């Protein structure tokens, strides 16, 4: 900015705000026990967003036994 050929300087105060994600589940491990071939099992888990910002998450369910690892199940969502 100039006024009559002179430069004017102004102070500017900037305030930033941020957040970090904090997703938690009510259970960290699930045990379905023995499941017969051709049958299925399910359970409900609660996922909590403990932060002030919106978050996206991806839930990956995988078999821990590397000899029978064939299917990965993925689910994406936001909270």
C-alpha atoms as a PDB file:
ATOM      1  CA  UNK A   1       0.000   0.000   0.000  1.00  0.00           C
ATOM      2  CA  UNK A   2       1.225   3.492  -0.645  1.00  0.00           C
ATOM      3  CA  UNK A   3       0.054   6.944   0.305  1.00  0.00           C
ATOM      4  CA  UNK A   4       1.640   9.778  -1.631  1.00  0.00           C
ATOM      5  CA  UNK A   5       4.604   7.609  -2.661  1.00  0.00           C
ATOM      6  CA  UNK A   6       5.343   6.395   0.898  1.00  0.00           C
ATOM      7  CA  UNK A   7       5.098   2.760   1.880  1.00  0.00           C
ATOM      8  CA  UNK A   8       3.020   1.947   4.897  1.00  0.00           C
ATOM      9  CA  UNK A   9       3.542  -1.188   6.968  1.00  0.00           C
ATOM     10  CA  UNK A  10       0.877  -2.871   9.000  1.00  0.00           C
ATOM     11  CA  UNK A  11       1.098  -5.520  11.673  1.00  0.00           C
ATOM     12  CA  UNK A  12      -0.878  -8.648  11.023  1.00  0.00           C
ATOM     13  CA  UNK A  13      -1.790 -11.153  13.699  1.00  0.00           C
ATOM     14  CA  UNK A  14      -2.571 -14.672  12.475  1.00  0.00           C
ATOM     15  CA  UNK A  15      -4.059 -17.332  14.720  1.00  0.00           C
ATOM     16  CA  UNK A  16      -4.119 -20.935  13.523  1.00  0.00           C
ATOM     17  CA  UNK A  17      -6.106 -23.828  14.848  1.00  0.00           C
ATOM     18  CA  UNK A  18      -5.552 -27.516  14.222  1.00  0.00           C
ATOM     19  CA  UNK A  19      -6.536 -30.897  15.477  1.00  0.00           C
ATOM     20  CA  UNK A  20      -5.329 -34.468  15.348  1.00  0.00           C
ATOM     21  CA  UNK A  21      -7.305 -37.632  14.902  1.00  0.00           C
ATOM     22  CA  UNK A  22      -8.117 -39.949  17.768  1.00  0.00           C
ATOM     23  CA  UNK A  23     -10.162 -42.997  16.754  1.00  0.00           C
ATOM     24  CA  UNK A  24     -10.775 -45.707  19.321  1.00  0.00           C
ATOM     25  CA  UNK A  25     -12.761 -48.922  19.320  1.00  0.00           C
ATOM     26  CA  UNK A  26     -14.437 -50.414  22.352  1.00  0.00           C
ATOM     27  CA  UNK A  27     -12.611 -53.699  21.641  1.00  0.00           C
ATOM     28  CA  UNK A  28      -9.104 -54.108  20.235  1.00  0.00           C
ATOM     29  CA  UNK A  29      -9.368 -57.853  19.507  1.00  0.00           C
ATOM     30  CA  UNK A  30     -12.272 -60.002  18.410  1.00  0.00           C
ATOM     31  CA  UNK A  31     -12.412 -63.787  18.743  1.00  0.00           C
ATOM     32  CA  UNK A  32     -15.070 -65.555  16.714  1.00  0.00           C
ATOM     33  CA  UNK A  33     -13.956 -69.011  17.807  1.00  0.00           C
ATOM     34  CA  UNK A  34     -14.463 -71.890  15.400  1.00  0.00           C
ATOM     35  CA  UNK A  35     -16.555 -71.130  12.328  1.00  0.00           C
ATOM     36  CA  UNK A  36     -17.696 -73.959  10.081  1.00  0.00           C
ATOM     37  CA  UNK A  37     -16.846 -73.827   6.394  1.00  0.00           C
ATOM     38  CA  UNK A  38     -19.718 -72.242   4.500  1.00  0.00           C
ATOM     39  CA  UNK A  39     -21.107 -70.476   7.548  1.00  0.00           C
ATOM     40  CA  UNK A  40     -20.538 -66.939   8.734  1.00  0.00           C
ATOM     41  CA  UNK A  41     -20.201 -65.018  11.964  1.00  0.00           C
ATOM     42  CA  UNK A  42     -20.608 -61.367  12.791  1.00  0.00           C
ATOM     43  CA  UNK A  43     -20.337 -58.989  15.693  1.00  0.00           C
ATOM     44  CA  UNK A  44     -20.829 -55.288  16.268  1.00  0.00           C
ATOM     45  CA  UNK A  45     -18.054 -52.967  17.371  1.00  0.00           C
ATOM     46  CA  UNK A  46     -18.273 -49.301  18.226  1.00  0.00           C
ATOM     47  CA  UNK A  47     -15.720 -46.871  16.820  1.00  0.00           C
ATOM     48  CA  UNK A  48     -15.436 -43.529  18.574  1.00  0.00           C
ATOM     49  CA  UNK A  49     -14.021 -40.270  17.247  1.00  0.00           C
ATOM     50  CA  UNK A  50     -12.505 -38.587  20.306  1.00  0.00           C
ATOM     51  CA  UNK A  51     -11.230 -35.557  18.372  1.00  0.00           C
ATOM     52  CA  UNK A  52     -12.912 -32.335  17.292  1.00  0.00           C
ATOM     53  CA  UNK A  53     -12.245 -32.880  13.582  1.00  0.00           C
ATOM     54  CA  UNK A  54     -13.964 -35.148  11.076  1.00  0.00           C
ATOM     55  CA  UNK A  55     -11.990 -38.299  10.335  1.00  0.00           C
ATOM     56  CA  UNK A  56     -11.956 -40.979   7.687  1.00  0.00           C
ATOM     57  CA  UNK A  57     -11.056 -44.535   8.574  1.00  0.00           C
ATOM     58  CA  UNK A  58     -10.555 -47.847   6.861  1.00  0.00           C
ATOM     59  CA  UNK A  59     -11.339 -51.059   8.721  1.00  0.00           C
ATOM     60  CA  UNK A  60      -9.288 -54.004   7.449  1.00  0.00           C
ATOM     61  CA  UNK A  61     -10.195 -57.500   8.588  1.00  0.00           C
ATOM     62  CA  UNK A  62      -7.528 -60.080   7.897  1.00  0.00           C
ATOM     63  CA  UNK A  63      -6.867 -63.691   8.857  1.00  0.00           C
ATOM     64  CA  UNK A  64      -3.816 -63.962  11.128  1.00  0.00           C
ATOM     65  CA  UNK A  65      -2.996 -67.455   9.856  1.00  0.00           C
ATOM     66  CA  UNK A  66      -0.669 -66.876   6.879  1.00  0.00           C
ATOM     67  CA  UNK A  67      -1.284 -70.408   5.526  1.00  0.00           C
ATOM     68  CA  UNK A  68      -4.972 -69.743   4.920  1.00  0.00           C
ATOM     69  CA  UNK A  69      -4.788 -66.024   4.130  1.00  0.00           C
ATOM     70  CA  UNK A  70      -6.977 -65.576   1.084  1.00  0.00           C
ATOM     71  CA  UNK A  71      -9.452 -62.823   1.718  1.00  0.00           C
ATOM     72  CA  UNK A  72      -8.998 -59.322   3.020  1.00  0.00           C
ATOM     73  CA  UNK A  73     -12.136 -57.408   3.864  1.00  0.00           C
ATOM     74  CA  UNK A  74     -11.966 -53.608   3.705  1.00  0.00           C
ATOM     75  CA  UNK A  75     -14.506 -50.990   4.691  1.00  0.00           C
ATOM     76  CA  UNK A  76     -14.032 -47.242   4.475  1.00  0.00           C
ATOM     77  CA  UNK A  77     -16.108 -44.621   6.192  1.00  0.00           C
ATOM     78  CA  UNK A  78     -15.879 -41.282   7.951  1.00  0.00           C
ATOM     79  CA  UNK A  79     -16.868 -40.088  11.401  1.00  0.00           C
END
